[in-house]
Amino acid sequence: MDSDNITKYTQLTTGPFLRYYVPTKRFLPFAEANHSIGSSGYKWTSNNDENEHKLQVQQYGFGIGMGFPLGEKATFYTLVGYQSHIIKSKEEQVSCHI
């Protein structure tokens, strides 16, 4: 079976995040929280039939991490956290929580 199925997905969000560093001398432990809003869309083509769908996106998350200084001008960060995406269809106003 030979078919031409192509799906393209794009997303753009923006928003603030807050990071609190626990004061230490050698490493940089921290906790952070974030929130962003934006839009996404996907377009798919299947056997010369093209469809497009636009979505509203809201994201939030939180986590804890550690920073490891690599000299005076660079730091390597690790983060463990939770991220939630809330997606609403612009046309149907149907929501989906991922």
Protein backbone atom coordinates (compact mmCIF):
# COMPACT_ATOMS: atom_id res chain seq x y z
CA MET A 1 0.00 0.00 0.00
CA ASP A 2 1.52 3.29 -1.11
CA SER A 3 0.11 6.55 0.28
CA ASP A 4 1.34 10.11 0.67
CA ASN A 5 0.53 10.96 4.30
CA ILE A 6 2.28 14.08 5.61
CA THR A 7 1.56 15.81 8.93
CA LYS A 8 3.12 19.16 9.94
CA TYR A 9 2.73 20.52 13.48
CA THR A 10 3.80 23.95 14.76
CA GLN A 11 3.50 25.58 18.19
CA LEU A 12 4.47 28.96 19.58
CA THR A 13 4.00 29.93 23.23
CA THR A 14 5.35 32.66 25.45
CA GLY A 15 5.22 33.39 29.14
CA PRO A 16 7.15 33.93 32.35
CA PHE A 17 8.93 31.52 34.62
CA LEU A 18 10.15 31.99 38.18
CA ARG A 19 13.27 30.26 39.48
CA TYR A 20 14.36 30.36 43.13
CA TYR A 21 17.95 29.38 43.94
CA VAL A 22 18.78 27.91 47.35
CA PRO A 23 21.94 29.72 48.51
CA THR A 24 24.98 27.40 48.58
CA LYS A 25 28.65 27.83 47.73
CA ARG A 26 29.39 25.05 45.21
CA PHE A 27 26.17 24.01 43.46
CA LEU A 28 22.95 25.79 42.55
CA PRO A 29 19.85 23.87 43.71
CA PHE A 30 16.61 25.54 42.58
CA ALA A 31 12.85 25.25 42.25
CA GLU A 32 10.92 26.76 39.36
CA ALA A 33 7.39 27.35 38.07
CA ASN A 34 6.26 28.45 34.60
CA HIS A 35 3.17 29.43 32.64
CA SER A 36 2.75 30.23 28.95
CA ILE A 37 0.03 30.77 26.37
CA GLY A 38 0.05 30.63 22.61
CA SER A 39 -1.26 28.81 19.59
CA SER A 40 -0.53 25.73 17.58
CA GLY A 41 -1.71 24.21 14.39
CA TYR A 42 -1.33 21.17 12.31
CA LYS A 43 -1.80 20.45 8.67
CA TRP A 44 -2.04 17.02 7.17
CA THR A 45 -2.14 15.77 3.63
CA SER A 46 -3.42 12.32 2.76
CA ASN A 47 -3.70 11.21 -0.86
CA ASN A 48 -3.92 14.82 -2.14
CA ASP A 49 -6.59 15.77 0.45
CA GLU A 50 -5.33 18.67 2.63
CA ASN A 51 -6.72 19.55 6.08
CA GLU A 52 -5.72 22.21 8.62
CA HIS A 53 -6.61 22.73 12.29
CA LYS A 54 -5.80 25.68 14.62
CA LEU A 55 -5.57 25.34 18.42
CA GLN A 56 -5.16 27.58 21.49
CA VAL A 57 -2.49 26.36 23.93
CA GLN A 58 -1.94 27.03 27.63
CA GLN A 59 0.96 25.42 29.47
CA TYR A 60 2.07 25.37 33.08
CA GLY A 61 4.64 23.43 35.01
CA PHE A 62 6.96 23.21 37.96
CA GLY A 63 10.13 21.40 38.88
CA ILE A 64 13.28 21.13 40.96
CA GLY A 65 16.80 21.06 39.67
CA MET A 66 20.49 21.58 40.18
CA GLY A 67 22.99 23.84 38.47
CA PHE A 68 26.67 22.89 38.12
CA PRO A 69 28.99 25.81 37.33
CA LEU A 70 31.39 25.16 34.42
CA GLY A 71 33.75 28.06 35.05
CA GLU A 72 32.78 31.71 35.44
CA LYS A 73 30.46 32.10 32.43
CA ALA A 74 28.61 28.81 31.96
CA THR A 75 26.43 26.51 34.07
CA PHE A 76 25.07 23.05 33.31
CA TYR A 77 21.47 22.59 34.58
CA THR A 78 19.39 19.50 35.24
CA LEU A 79 15.64 19.66 35.90
CA VAL A 80 12.97 17.17 36.98
CA GLY A 81 9.46 18.45 36.69
CA TYR A 82 5.87 18.31 35.58
CA GLN A 83 4.45 20.05 32.52
CA SER A 84 0.75 20.32 31.59
CA HIS A 85 -0.62 21.32 28.19
CA ILE A 86 -4.23 22.46 27.80
CA ILE A 87 -5.31 22.57 24.17
CA LYS A 88 -8.58 24.10 22.90
CA SER A 89 -9.82 24.00 19.36
CA LYS A 90 -10.35 27.49 17.95
CA GLU A 91 -13.24 26.36 15.74
CA GLU A 92 -15.18 23.99 18.02
CA GLN A 93 -14.15 25.22 21.49
CA VAL A 94 -13.47 21.61 22.50
CA SER A 95 -10.72 21.20 25.06
CA CYS A 96 -8.24 18.42 25.60
CA HIS A 97 -5.90 18.10 28.60
CA ILE A 98 -2.61 16.28 27.95
